[in-house]
């Protein structure tokens, strides 16, 4: 009997619609609650880590990096948020713009690479 219940629960969860997996500027700036504000910051931290990891992979494979941070810089979530929000203001971004795109653009503005793709 327990196998049937577990199977039914799994099937119900697998068939349920999936929530959006991205955060847009409006929902980042105006979260409906403190819980959403916390989730948004966790999401931004994950985006930051992903962009930095991908950029390092490109560098290690000899490709051209999107941005060139100083090697000794440890970027906090607060710094990433500041860079992302400044990027949004600079581009007069609309509320439906993905914060991941704004952070990437902001990192390129803040930490540009020289013409050879290096620091």
PDB file of N, CA and C in Angstrom:
ATOM      1  N   UNK A   1       0.811  -1.197   0.000  1.00  0.00           N
ATOM      2  CA  UNK A   1       0.000   0.000   0.000  1.00  0.00           C
ATOM      3  C   UNK A   1       0.854   1.261   0.000  1.00  0.00           C
ATOM      4  N   UNK A   2       1.936   1.241   0.778  1.00  0.00           N
ATOM      5  CA  UNK A   2       2.814   2.417   0.843  1.00  0.00           C
ATOM      6  C   UNK A   2       3.458   2.711  -0.509  1.00  0.00           C
ATOM      7  N   UNK A   3       3.764   1.653  -1.263  1.00  0.00           N
ATOM      8  CA  UNK A   3       4.360   1.863  -2.584  1.00  0.00           C
ATOM      9  C   UNK A   3       3.392   2.606  -3.492  1.00  0.00           C
ATOM     10  N   UNK A   4       2.096   2.289  -3.376  1.00  0.00           N
ATOM     11  CA  UNK A   4       1.089   2.967  -4.193  1.00  0.00           C
ATOM     12  C   UNK A   4       0.981   4.447  -3.822  1.00  0.00           C
ATOM     13  N   UNK A   5       1.045   4.730  -2.537  1.00  0.00           N
ATOM     14  CA  UNK A   5       0.939   6.118  -2.082  1.00  0.00           C
ATOM     15  C   UNK A   5       2.147   6.919  -2.550  1.00  0.00           C
ATOM     16  N   UNK A   6       3.329   6.341  -2.390  1.00  0.00           N
ATOM     17  CA  UNK A   6       4.549   7.018  -2.831  1.00  0.00           C
ATOM     18  C   UNK A   6       4.522   7.218  -4.342  1.00  0.00           C
ATOM     19  N   UNK A   7       4.095   6.207  -5.069  1.00  0.00           N
ATOM     20  CA  UNK A   7       4.015   6.324  -6.529  1.00  0.00           C
ATOM     21  C   UNK A   7       3.014   7.393  -6.946  1.00  0.00           C
ATOM     22  N   UNK A   8       1.869   7.440  -6.280  1.00  0.00           N
ATOM     23  CA  UNK A   8       0.853   8.447  -6.605  1.00  0.00           C
ATOM     24  C   UNK A   8       1.364   9.857  -6.296  1.00  0.00           C
ATOM     25  N   UNK A   9       2.056  10.023  -5.185  1.00  0.00           N
ATOM     26  CA  UNK A   9       2.618  11.336  -4.832  1.00  0.00           C
ATOM     27  C   UNK A   9       3.669  11.760  -5.844  1.00  0.00           C
ATOM     28  N   UNK A  10       4.521  10.834  -6.231  1.00  0.00           N
ATOM     29  CA  UNK A  10       5.549  11.152  -7.217  1.00  0.00           C
ATOM     30  C   UNK A  10       4.928  11.563  -8.546  1.00  0.00           C
ATOM     31  N   UNK A  11       3.928  10.815  -8.982  1.00  0.00           N
ATOM     32  CA  UNK A  11       3.258  11.122 -10.232  1.00  0.00           C
ATOM     33  C   UNK A  11       2.583  12.491 -10.170  1.00  0.00           C
ATOM     34  N   UNK A  12       1.954  12.797  -9.061  1.00  0.00           N
ATOM     35  CA  UNK A  12       1.291  14.095  -8.909  1.00  0.00           C
ATOM     36  C   UNK A  12       2.302  15.239  -8.952  1.00  0.00           C
ATOM     37  N   UNK A  13       3.421  15.056  -8.292  1.00  0.00           N
ATOM     38  CA  UNK A  13       4.447  16.106  -8.293  1.00  0.00           C
ATOM     39  C   UNK A  13       5.105  16.248  -9.661  1.00  0.00           C
ATOM     40  N   UNK A  14       5.315  15.142 -10.330  1.00  0.00           N
ATOM     41  CA  UNK A  14       5.954  15.188 -11.651  1.00  0.00           C
ATOM     42  C   UNK A  14       5.043  15.838 -12.684  1.00  0.00           C
ATOM     43  N   UNK A  15       3.738  15.714 -12.516  1.00  0.00           N
ATOM     44  CA  UNK A  15       2.790  16.268 -13.476  1.00  0.00           C
ATOM     45  C   UNK A  15       2.432  17.719 -13.170  1.00  0.00           C
ATOM     46  N   UNK A  16       2.787  18.206 -11.999  1.00  0.00           N
ATOM     47  CA  UNK A  16       2.448  19.581 -11.610  1.00  0.00           C
ATOM     48  C   UNK A  16       3.275  20.571 -12.422  1.00  0.00           C
ATOM     49  N   UNK A  17       2.711  21.742 -12.727  1.00  0.00           N
ATOM     50  CA  UNK A  17       3.480  22.744 -13.468  1.00  0.00           C
ATOM     51  C   UNK A  17       4.666  23.231 -12.642  1.00  0.00           C
ATOM     52  N   UNK A  18       5.733  23.529 -13.340  1.00  0.00           N
ATOM     53  CA  UNK A  18       6.954  23.981 -12.684  1.00  0.00           C
ATOM     54  C   UNK A  18       6.947  25.501 -12.634  1.00  0.00           C
ATOM     55  N   UNK A  19       7.350  26.061 -11.509  1.00  0.00           N
ATOM     56  CA  UNK A  19       7.413  27.515 -11.351  1.00  0.00           C
ATOM     57  C   UNK A  19       8.581  28.066 -12.169  1.00  0.00           C
ATOM     58  N   UNK A  20       8.490  29.321 -12.508  1.00  0.00           N
ATOM     59  CA  UNK A  20       9.556  29.963 -13.275  1.00  0.00           C
ATOM     60  C   UNK A  20      10.866  29.894 -12.501  1.00  0.00           C
ATOM     61  N   UNK A  21      11.941  29.639 -13.218  1.00  0.00           N
ATOM     62  CA  UNK A  21      13.242  29.468 -12.571  1.00  0.00           C
ATOM     63  C   UNK A  21      14.141  30.667 -12.811  1.00  0.00           C
ATOM     64  N   UNK A  22      13.556  31.806 -13.066  1.00  0.00           N
ATOM     65  CA  UNK A  22      14.367  33.002 -13.236  1.00  0.00           C
ATOM     66  C   UNK A  22      13.744  34.134 -12.428  1.00  0.00           C
ATOM     67  N   UNK A  23      14.534  35.169 -12.206  1.00  0.00           N
ATOM     68  CA  UNK A  23      14.065  36.325 -11.445  1.00  0.00           C
ATOM     69  C   UNK A  23      14.197  37.545 -12.339  1.00  0.00           C
ATOM     70  N   UNK A  24      13.147  38.308 -12.387  1.00  0.00           N
ATOM     71  CA  UNK A  24      13.116  39.517 -13.203  1.00  0.00           C
ATOM     72  C   UNK A  24      13.299  40.734 -12.316  1.00  0.00           C
ATOM     73  N   UNK A  25      13.702  41.839 -12.932  1.00  0.00           N
ATOM     74  CA  UNK A  25      14.068  43.043 -12.198  1.00  0.00           C
ATOM     75  C   UNK A  25      12.948  43.538 -11.287  1.00  0.00           C
ATOM     76  N   UNK A  26      11.717  43.598 -11.781  1.00  0.00           N
ATOM     77  CA  UNK A  26      10.606  44.075 -10.951  1.00  0.00           C
ATOM     78  C   UNK A  26      10.427  43.228  -9.703  1.00  0.00           C
ATOM     79  N   UNK A  27      10.452  41.912  -9.868  1.00  0.00           N
ATOM     80  CA  UNK A  27      10.247  41.058  -8.697  1.00  0.00           C
ATOM     81  C   UNK A  27      11.453  41.101  -7.760  1.00  0.00           C
ATOM     82  N   UNK A  28      12.639  41.427  -8.294  1.00  0.00           N
ATOM     83  CA  UNK A  28      13.807  41.570  -7.431  1.00  0.00           C
ATOM     84  C   UNK A  28      13.704  42.855  -6.619  1.00  0.00           C
ATOM     85  N   UNK A  29      13.333  43.944  -7.272  1.00  0.00           N
ATOM     86  CA  UNK A  29      13.247  45.233  -6.580  1.00  0.00           C
ATOM     87  C   UNK A  29      12.049  45.317  -5.637  1.00  0.00           C
ATOM     88  N   UNK A  30      10.984  44.621  -5.961  1.00  0.00           N
ATOM     89  CA  UNK A  30       9.748  44.706  -5.176  1.00  0.00           C
ATOM     90  C   UNK A  30       9.240  43.321  -4.784  1.00  0.00           C
ATOM     91  N   UNK A  31       9.966  42.626  -3.931  1.00  0.00           N
ATOM     92  CA  UNK A  31       9.507  41.293  -3.534  1.00  0.00           C
ATOM     93  C   UNK A  31       8.249  41.402  -2.668  1.00  0.00           C
ATOM     94  N   UNK A  32       7.346  40.421  -2.785  1.00  0.00           N
ATOM     95  CA  UNK A  32       6.113  40.489  -2.004  1.00  0.00           C
ATOM     96  C   UNK A  32       6.312  40.260  -0.505  1.00  0.00           C
ATOM     97  N   UNK A  33       7.447  39.687  -0.119  1.00  0.00           N
ATOM     98  CA  UNK A  33       7.701  39.434   1.303  1.00  0.00           C
ATOM     99  C   UNK A  33       9.207  39.323   1.541  1.00  0.00           C
ATOM    100  N   UNK A  34       9.578  39.291   2.807  1.00  0.00           N
ATOM    101  CA  UNK A  34      10.993  39.126   3.159  1.00  0.00           C
ATOM    102  C   UNK A  34      11.510  37.754   2.726  1.00  0.00           C
ATOM    103  N   UNK A  35      10.643  36.775   2.726  1.00  0.00           N
ATOM    104  CA  UNK A  35      11.043  35.441   2.269  1.00  0.00           C
ATOM    105  C   UNK A  35      11.456  35.485   0.804  1.00  0.00           C
ATOM    106  N   UNK A  36      10.670  36.174  -0.027  1.00  0.00           N
ATOM    107  CA  UNK A  36      11.020  36.303  -1.431  1.00  0.00           C
ATOM    108  C   UNK A  36      12.297  37.123  -1.595  1.00  0.00           C
ATOM    109  N   UNK A  37      12.483  38.144  -0.771  1.00  0.00           N
ATOM    110  CA  UNK A  37      13.723  38.933  -0.833  1.00  0.00           C
ATOM    111  C   UNK A  37      14.926  38.030  -0.571  1.00  0.00           C
ATOM    112  N   UNK A  38      14.797  37.156   0.413  1.00  0.00           N
ATOM    113  CA  UNK A  38      15.884  36.219   0.730  1.00  0.00           C
ATOM    114  C   UNK A  38      16.124  35.254  -0.427  1.00  0.00           C
ATOM    115  N   UNK A  39      15.043  34.703  -1.000  1.00  0.00           N
ATOM    116  CA  UNK A  39      15.186  33.799  -2.141  1.00  0.00           C
ATOM    117  C   UNK A  39      15.831  34.509  -3.325  1.00  0.00           C
ATOM    118  N   UNK A  40      15.451  35.752  -3.571  1.00  0.00           N
ATOM    119  CA  UNK A  40      16.039  36.520  -4.675  1.00  0.00           C
ATOM    120  C   UNK A  40      17.533  36.711  -4.478  1.00  0.00           C
ATOM    121  N   UNK A  41      17.949  36.987  -3.261  1.00  0.00           N
ATOM    122  CA  UNK A  41      19.388  37.169  -2.984  1.00  0.00           C
ATOM    123  C   UNK A  41      20.141  35.848  -3.147  1.00  0.00           C
ATOM    124  N   UNK A  42      19.525  34.753  -2.744  1.00  0.00           N
ATOM    125  CA  UNK A  42      20.147  33.437  -2.934  1.00  0.00           C
ATOM    126  C   UNK A  42      20.277  33.149  -4.425  1.00  0.00           C
ATOM    127  N   UNK A  43      19.240  33.473  -5.190  1.00  0.00           N
ATOM    128  CA  UNK A  43      19.276  33.287  -6.640  1.00  0.00           C
ATOM    129  C   UNK A  43      20.405  34.120  -7.255  1.00  0.00           C
ATOM    130  N   UNK A  44      20.498  35.393  -6.849  1.00  0.00           N
ATOM    131  CA  UNK A  44      21.543  36.268  -7.382  1.00  0.00           C
ATOM    132  C   UNK A  44      22.927  35.719  -7.048  1.00  0.00           C
ATOM    133  N   UNK A  45      23.099  35.210  -5.851  1.00  0.00           N
ATOM    134  CA  UNK A  45      24.389  34.638  -5.470  1.00  0.00           C
ATOM    135  C   UNK A  45      24.724  33.428  -6.347  1.00  0.00           C
ATOM    136  N   UNK A  46      23.726  32.628  -6.674  1.00  0.00           N
ATOM    137  CA  UNK A  46      23.940  31.485  -7.565  1.00  0.00           C
ATOM    138  C   UNK A  46      24.291  31.922  -8.977  1.00  0.00           C
ATOM    139  N   UNK A  47      23.627  32.971  -9.451  1.00  0.00           N
ATOM    140  CA  UNK A  47      23.944  33.515 -10.782  1.00  0.00           C
ATOM    141  C   UNK A  47      25.381  34.023 -10.792  1.00  0.00           C
ATOM    142  N   UNK A  48      25.750  34.753  -9.759  1.00  0.00           N
ATOM    143  CA  UNK A  48      27.126  35.279  -9.652  1.00  0.00           C
ATOM    144  C   UNK A  48      28.143  34.138  -9.700  1.00  0.00           C
ATOM    145  N   UNK A  49      27.901  33.119  -8.906  1.00  0.00           N
ATOM    146  CA  UNK A  49      28.827  31.978  -8.861  1.00  0.00           C
ATOM    147  C   UNK A  49      28.891  31.269 -10.212  1.00  0.00           C
ATOM    148  N   UNK A  50      27.743  31.104 -10.856  1.00  0.00           N
ATOM    149  CA  UNK A  50      27.718  30.454 -12.165  1.00  0.00           C
ATOM    150  C   UNK A  50      28.458  31.247 -13.226  1.00  0.00           C
ATOM    151  N   UNK A  51      28.257  32.561 -13.247  1.00  0.00           N
ATOM    152  CA  UNK A  51      28.960  33.402 -14.229  1.00  0.00           C
ATOM    153  C   UNK A  51      30.465  33.376 -13.990  1.00  0.00           C
ATOM    154  N   UNK A  52      30.859  33.430 -12.717  1.00  0.00           N
ATOM    155  CA  UNK A  52      32.292  33.398 -12.412  1.00  0.00           C
ATOM    156  C   UNK A  52      32.913  32.051 -12.775  1.00  0.00           C
ATOM    157  N   UNK A  53      32.193  30.964 -12.509  1.00  0.00           N
ATOM    158  CA  UNK A  53      32.717  29.632 -12.841  1.00  0.00           C
ATOM    159  C   UNK A  53      32.831  29.453 -14.352  1.00  0.00           C
ATOM    160  N   UNK A  54      31.812  29.880 -15.084  1.00  0.00           N
ATOM    161  CA  UNK A  54      31.853  29.756 -16.542  1.00  0.00           C
ATOM    162  C   UNK A  54      32.970  30.627 -17.124  1.00  0.00           C
ATOM    163  N   UNK A  55      33.136  31.815 -16.590  1.00  0.00           N
ATOM    164  CA  UNK A  55      34.194  32.706 -17.056  1.00  0.00           C
ATOM    165  C   UNK A  55      35.574  32.084 -16.816  1.00  0.00           C
ATOM    166  N   UNK A  56      35.750  31.443 -15.656  1.00  0.00           N
ATOM    167  CA  UNK A  56      37.020  30.773 -15.348  1.00  0.00           C
ATOM    168  C   UNK A  56      37.257  29.589 -16.295  1.00  0.00           C
ATOM    169  N   UNK A  57      36.196  28.854 -16.605  1.00  0.00           N
ATOM    170  CA  UNK A  57      36.319  27.734 -17.540  1.00  0.00           C
ATOM    171  C   UNK A  57      36.750  28.221 -18.918  1.00  0.00           C
ATOM    172  N   UNK A  58      36.137  29.295 -19.392  1.00  0.00           N
ATOM    173  CA  UNK A  58      36.514  29.874 -20.688  1.00  0.00           C
ATOM    174  C   UNK A  58      37.989  30.280 -20.671  1.00  0.00           C
ATOM    175  N   UNK A  59      38.407  30.922 -19.582  1.00  0.00           N
ATOM    176  CA  UNK A  59      39.809  31.353 -19.458  1.00  0.00           C
ATOM    177  C   UNK A  59      40.750  30.146 -19.482  1.00  0.00           C
ATOM    178  N   UNK A  60      40.403  29.096 -18.740  1.00  0.00           N
ATOM    179  CA  UNK A  60      41.256  27.905 -18.683  1.00  0.00           C
ATOM    180  C   UNK A  60      41.351  27.180 -20.017  1.00  0.00           C
ATOM    181  N   UNK A  61      40.344  27.331 -20.852  1.00  0.00           N
ATOM    182  CA  UNK A  61      40.358  26.683 -22.168  1.00  0.00           C
ATOM    183  C   UNK A  61      40.907  27.593 -23.258  1.00  0.00           C
ATOM    184  N   UNK A  62      41.409  28.757 -22.857  1.00  0.00           N
ATOM    185  CA  UNK A  62      42.036  29.658 -23.813  1.00  0.00           C
ATOM    186  C   UNK A  62      41.078  30.571 -24.556  1.00  0.00           C
ATOM    187  N   UNK A  63      39.841  30.640 -24.126  1.00  0.00           N
ATOM    188  CA  UNK A  63      38.854  31.498 -24.782  1.00  0.00           C
ATOM    189  C   UNK A  63      38.872  32.910 -24.233  1.00  0.00           C
ATOM    190  N   UNK A  64      38.071  33.753 -24.838  1.00  0.00           N
ATOM    191  CA  UNK A  64      37.993  35.144 -24.410  1.00  0.00           C
ATOM    192  C   UNK A  64      36.962  35.278 -23.295  1.00  0.00           C
ATOM    193  N   UNK A  65      37.410  35.776 -22.158  1.00  0.00           N
ATOM    194  CA  UNK A  65      36.541  35.950 -21.012  1.00  0.00           C
ATOM    195  C   UNK A  65      35.548  37.082 -21.246  1.00  0.00           C
ATOM    196  N   UNK A  66      34.391  36.989 -20.606  1.00  0.00           N
ATOM    197  CA  UNK A  66      33.386  38.046 -20.696  1.00  0.00           C
ATOM    198  C   UNK A  66      33.750  39.214 -19.796  1.00  0.00           C
ATOM    199  N   UNK A  67      34.401  38.941 -18.678  1.00  0.00           N
ATOM    200  CA  UNK A  67      34.838  39.980 -17.741  1.00  0.00           C
ATOM    201  C   UNK A  67      36.108  39.497 -17.059  1.00  0.00           C
ATOM    202  N   UNK A  68      36.885  40.432 -16.547  1.00  0.00           N
ATOM    203  CA  UNK A  68      38.191  40.089 -15.975  1.00  0.00           C
ATOM    204  C   UNK A  68      38.331  40.680 -14.578  1.00  0.00           C
ATOM    205  N   UNK A  69      37.877  39.937 -13.588  1.00  0.00           N
ATOM    206  CA  UNK A  69      37.973  40.376 -12.198  1.00  0.00           C
ATOM    207  C   UNK A  69      39.405  40.235 -11.714  1.00  0.00           C
ATOM    208  N   UNK A  70      39.817  41.088 -10.778  1.00  0.00           N
ATOM    209  CA  UNK A  70      41.128  40.886 -10.162  1.00  0.00           C
ATOM    210  C   UNK A  70      41.167  39.522  -9.475  1.00  0.00           C
ATOM    211  N   UNK A  71      42.288  38.820  -9.576  1.00  0.00           N
ATOM    212  CA  UNK A  71      42.345  37.451  -9.050  1.00  0.00           C
ATOM    213  C   UNK A  71      42.172  37.369  -7.535  1.00  0.00           C
ATOM    214  N   UNK A  72      42.461  38.433  -6.808  1.00  0.00           N
ATOM    215  CA  UNK A  72      42.363  38.392  -5.352  1.00  0.00           C
ATOM    216  C   UNK A  72      41.025  38.909  -4.814  1.00  0.00           C
ATOM    217  N   UNK A  73      40.093  39.272  -5.702  1.00  0.00           N
ATOM    218  CA  UNK A  73      38.799  39.802  -5.281  1.00  0.00           C
ATOM    219  C   UNK A  73      37.838  38.669  -4.920  1.00  0.00           C
ATOM    220  N   UNK A  74      37.226  38.784  -3.755  1.00  0.00           N
ATOM    221  CA  UNK A  74      36.167  37.875  -3.345  1.00  0.00           C
ATOM    222  C   UNK A  74      34.893  38.714  -3.325  1.00  0.00           C
ATOM    223  N   UNK A  75      34.014  38.480  -4.286  1.00  0.00           N
ATOM    224  CA  UNK A  75      32.823  39.306  -4.428  1.00  0.00           C
ATOM    225  C   UNK A  75      31.690  38.789  -3.536  1.00  0.00           C
ATOM    226  N   UNK A  76      31.118  39.695  -2.764  1.00  0.00           N
ATOM    227  CA  UNK A  76      29.988  39.337  -1.912  1.00  0.00           C
ATOM    228  C   UNK A  76      28.681  39.455  -2.706  1.00  0.00           C
ATOM    229  N   UNK A  77      27.627  38.926  -2.137  1.00  0.00           N
ATOM    230  CA  UNK A  77      26.309  39.054  -2.762  1.00  0.00           C
ATOM    231  C   UNK A  77      25.890  40.518  -2.817  1.00  0.00           C
ATOM    232  N   UNK A  78      26.241  41.287  -1.790  1.00  0.00           N
ATOM    233  CA  UNK A  78      25.909  42.713  -1.768  1.00  0.00           C
ATOM    234  C   UNK A  78      26.599  43.457  -2.905  1.00  0.00           C
ATOM    235  N   UNK A  79      27.857  43.127  -3.168  1.00  0.00           N
ATOM    236  CA  UNK A  79      28.577  43.752  -4.277  1.00  0.00           C
ATOM    237  C   UNK A  79      27.951  43.360  -5.614  1.00  0.00           C
ATOM    238  N   UNK A  80      27.579  42.097  -5.755  1.00  0.00           N
ATOM    239  CA  UNK A  80      26.934  41.644  -6.989  1.00  0.00           C
ATOM    240  C   UNK A  80      25.598  42.364  -7.180  1.00  0.00           C
ATOM    241  N   UNK A  81      24.852  42.538  -6.098  1.00  0.00           N
ATOM    242  CA  UNK A  81      23.573  43.250  -6.176  1.00  0.00           C
ATOM    243  C   UNK A  81      23.790  44.693  -6.615  1.00  0.00           C
ATOM    244  N   UNK A  82      24.785  45.343  -6.056  1.00  0.00           N
ATOM    245  CA  UNK A  82      25.090  46.719  -6.427  1.00  0.00           C
ATOM    246  C   UNK A  82      25.460  46.824  -7.907  1.00  0.00           C
ATOM    247  N   UNK A  83      26.288  45.904  -8.389  1.00  0.00           N
ATOM    248  CA  UNK A  83      26.688  45.879  -9.798  1.00  0.00           C
ATOM    249  C   UNK A  83      25.472  45.648 -10.690  1.00  0.00           C
ATOM    250  N   UNK A  84      24.610  44.717 -10.308  1.00  0.00           N
ATOM    251  CA  UNK A  84      23.423  44.393 -11.103  1.00  0.00           C
ATOM    252  C   UNK A  84      22.463  45.576 -11.158  1.00  0.00           C
ATOM    253  N   UNK A  85      22.218  46.233 -10.021  1.00  0.00           N
ATOM    254  CA  UNK A  85      21.284  47.365  -9.992  1.00  0.00           C
ATOM    255  C   UNK A  85      21.839  48.575 -10.745  1.00  0.00           C
ATOM    256  N   UNK A  86      23.142  48.803 -10.664  1.00  0.00           N
ATOM    257  CA  UNK A  86      23.752  49.891 -11.447  1.00  0.00           C
ATOM    258  C   UNK A  86      23.648  49.596 -12.938  1.00  0.00           C
ATOM    259  N   UNK A  87      23.807  48.341 -13.306  1.00  0.00           N
ATOM    260  CA  UNK A  87      23.660  47.942 -14.705  1.00  0.00           C
ATOM    261  C   UNK A  87      22.236  48.185 -15.181  1.00  0.00           C
ATOM    262  N   UNK A  88      21.269  47.883 -14.334  1.00  0.00           N
ATOM    263  CA  UNK A  88      19.861  48.117 -14.681  1.00  0.00           C
ATOM    264  C   UNK A  88      19.599  49.605 -14.888  1.00  0.00           C
ATOM    265  N   UNK A  89      20.135  50.431 -14.001  1.00  0.00           N
ATOM    266  CA  UNK A  89      19.942  51.880 -14.124  1.00  0.00           C
ATOM    267  C   UNK A  89      20.635  52.420 -15.373  1.00  0.00           C
ATOM    268  N   UNK A  90      21.850  51.946 -15.632  1.00  0.00           N
ATOM    269  CA  UNK A  90      22.608  52.409 -16.795  1.00  0.00           C
ATOM    270  C   UNK A  90      21.878  52.095 -18.095  1.00  0.00           C
ATOM    271  N   UNK A  91      21.230  50.957 -18.146  1.00  0.00           N
ATOM    272  CA  UNK A  91      20.561  50.507 -19.365  1.00  0.00           C
ATOM    273  C   UNK A  91      19.080  50.863 -19.395  1.00  0.00           C
ATOM    274  N   UNK A  92      18.614  51.555 -18.348  1.00  0.00           N
ATOM    275  CA  UNK A  92      17.184  51.866 -18.215  1.00  0.00           C
ATOM    276  C   UNK A  92      16.360  50.597 -18.451  1.00  0.00           C
ATOM    277  N   UNK A  93      16.772  49.538 -17.753  1.00  0.00           N
ATOM    278  CA  UNK A  93      16.166  48.215 -17.950  1.00  0.00           C
ATOM    279  C   UNK A  93      14.704  48.217 -17.539  1.00  0.00           C
ATOM    280  N   UNK A  94      13.920  47.498 -18.314  1.00  0.00           N
ATOM    281  CA  UNK A  94      12.501  47.334 -18.007  1.00  0.00           C
ATOM    282  C   UNK A  94      12.343  46.274 -16.924  1.00  0.00           C
ATOM    283  N   UNK A  95      11.195  46.269 -16.300  1.00  0.00           N
ATOM    284  CA  UNK A  95      10.944  45.369 -15.182  1.00  0.00           C
ATOM    285  C   UNK A  95      10.983  43.897 -15.513  1.00  0.00           C
ATOM    286  N   UNK A  96      10.794  43.537 -16.783  1.00  0.00           N
ATOM    287  CA  UNK A  96      10.804  42.121 -17.143  1.00  0.00           C
ATOM    288  C   UNK A  96      12.185  41.618 -17.550  1.00  0.00           C
ATOM    289  N   UNK A  97      13.207  42.449 -17.383  1.00  0.00           N
ATOM    290  CA  UNK A  97      14.581  42.047 -17.718  1.00  0.00           C
ATOM    291  C   UNK A  97      15.100  41.066 -16.671  1.00  0.00           C
ATOM    292  N   UNK A  98      15.763  40.021 -17.129  1.00  0.00           N
ATOM    293  CA  UNK A  98      16.332  39.020 -16.221  1.00  0.00           C
ATOM    294  C   UNK A  98      17.508  39.611 -15.455  1.00  0.00           C
ATOM    295  N   UNK A  99      17.552  39.371 -14.155  1.00  0.00           N
ATOM    296  CA  UNK A  99      18.660  39.916 -13.368  1.00  0.00           C
ATOM    297  C   UNK A  99      19.976  39.240 -13.730  1.00  0.00           C
ATOM    298  N   UNK A 100      19.934  38.022 -14.253  1.00  0.00           N
ATOM    299  CA  UNK A 100      21.167  37.344 -14.673  1.00  0.00           C
ATOM    300  C   UNK A 100      21.832  38.098 -15.828  1.00  0.00           C
ATOM    301  N   UNK A 101      21.027  38.575 -16.770  1.00  0.00           N
ATOM    302  CA  UNK A 101      21.566  39.346 -17.901  1.00  0.00           C
ATOM    303  C   UNK A 101      22.145  40.661 -17.406  1.00  0.00           C
ATOM    304  N   UNK A 102      21.438  41.294 -16.468  1.00  0.00           N
ATOM    305  CA  UNK A 102      21.923  42.568 -15.923  1.00  0.00           C
ATOM    306  C   UNK A 102      23.224  42.384 -15.149  1.00  0.00           C
ATOM    307  N   UNK A 103      23.334  41.296 -14.401  1.00  0.00           N
ATOM    308  CA  UNK A 103      24.581  41.055 -13.671  1.00  0.00           C
ATOM    309  C   UNK A 103      25.725  40.795 -14.633  1.00  0.00           C
ATOM    310  N   UNK A 104      25.505  40.003 -15.662  1.00  0.00           N
ATOM    311  CA  UNK A 104      26.576  39.746 -16.621  1.00  0.00           C
ATOM    312  C   UNK A 104      27.031  41.047 -17.282  1.00  0.00           C
ATOM    313  N   UNK A 105      26.084  41.863 -17.709  1.00  0.00           N
ATOM    314  CA  UNK A 105      26.435  43.140 -18.335  1.00  0.00           C
ATOM    315  C   UNK A 105      27.166  44.046 -17.350  1.00  0.00           C
ATOM    316  N   UNK A 106      26.714  44.054 -16.111  1.00  0.00           N
ATOM    317  CA  UNK A 106      27.366  44.872 -15.089  1.00  0.00           C
ATOM    318  C   UNK A 106      28.781  44.408 -14.793  1.00  0.00           C
ATOM    319  N   UNK A 107      28.993  43.103 -14.778  1.00  0.00           N
ATOM    320  CA  UNK A 107      30.351  42.577 -14.561  1.00  0.00           C
ATOM    321  C   UNK A 107      31.265  42.969 -15.722  1.00  0.00           C
ATOM    322  N   UNK A 108      30.727  42.950 -16.940  1.00  0.00           N
ATOM    323  CA  UNK A 108      31.526  43.374 -18.094  1.00  0.00           C
ATOM    324  C   UNK A 108      31.878  44.854 -17.996  1.00  0.00           C
ATOM    325  N   UNK A 109      30.948  45.677 -17.514  1.00  0.00           N
ATOM    326  CA  UNK A 109      31.216  47.107 -17.346  1.00  0.00           C
ATOM    327  C   UNK A 109      32.223  47.362 -16.230  1.00  0.00           C
ATOM    328  N   UNK A 110      32.070  46.641 -15.132  1.00  0.00           N
ATOM    329  CA  UNK A 110      32.889  46.864 -13.941  1.00  0.00           C
ATOM    330  C   UNK A 110      34.289  46.289 -14.082  1.00  0.00           C
ATOM    331  N   UNK A 111      34.401  45.156 -14.739  1.00  0.00           N
ATOM    332  CA  UNK A 111      35.686  44.458 -14.877  1.00  0.00           C
ATOM    333  C   UNK A 111      35.975  44.160 -16.345  1.00  0.00           C
ATOM    334  N   UNK A 112      36.187  45.199 -17.151  1.00  0.00           N
ATOM    335  CA  UNK A 112      36.445  44.958 -18.578  1.00  0.00           C
ATOM    336  C   UNK A 112      37.794  44.270 -18.782  1.00  0.00           C
ATOM    337  N   UNK A 113      37.872  43.522 -19.851  1.00  0.00           N
ATOM    338  CA  UNK A 113      39.132  42.857 -20.219  1.00  0.00           C
ATOM    339  C   UNK A 113      39.867  43.749 -21.215  1.00  0.00           C
ATOM    340  N   UNK A 114      41.198  43.586 -21.277  1.00  0.00           N
ATOM    341  CA  UNK A 114      41.935  44.312 -22.291  1.00  0.00           C
ATOM    342  C   UNK A 114      41.622  43.707 -23.660  1.00  0.00           C
ATOM    343  N   UNK A 115      42.168  44.254 -24.703  1.00  0.00           N
ATOM    344  CA  UNK A 115      41.836  43.819 -26.070  1.00  0.00           C
ATOM    345  C   UNK A 115      42.216  42.380 -26.334  1.00  0.00           C
ATOM    346  N   UNK A 116      43.139  41.825 -25.555  1.00  0.00           N
ATOM    347  CA  UNK A 116      43.563  40.441 -25.757  1.00  0.00           C
ATOM    348  C   UNK A 116      42.708  39.460 -24.965  1.00  0.00           C
ATOM    349  N   UNK A 117      41.679  39.964 -24.267  1.00  0.00           N
ATOM    350  CA  UNK A 117      40.812  39.083 -23.493  1.00  0.00           C
ATOM    351  C   UNK A 117      41.362  38.769 -22.128  1.00  0.00           C
ATOM    352  N   UNK A 118      42.442  39.402 -21.725  1.00  0.00           N
ATOM    353  CA  UNK A 118      43.041  39.143 -20.423  1.00  0.00           C
ATOM    354  C   UNK A 118      42.817  40.294 -19.467  1.00  0.00           C
ATOM    355  N   UNK A 119      43.430  40.171 -18.314  1.00  0.00           N
ATOM    356  CA  UNK A 119      43.280  41.194 -17.266  1.00  0.00           C
ATOM    357  C   UNK A 119      44.026  42.434 -17.591  1.00  0.00           C
TER     358      UNK A 119
END
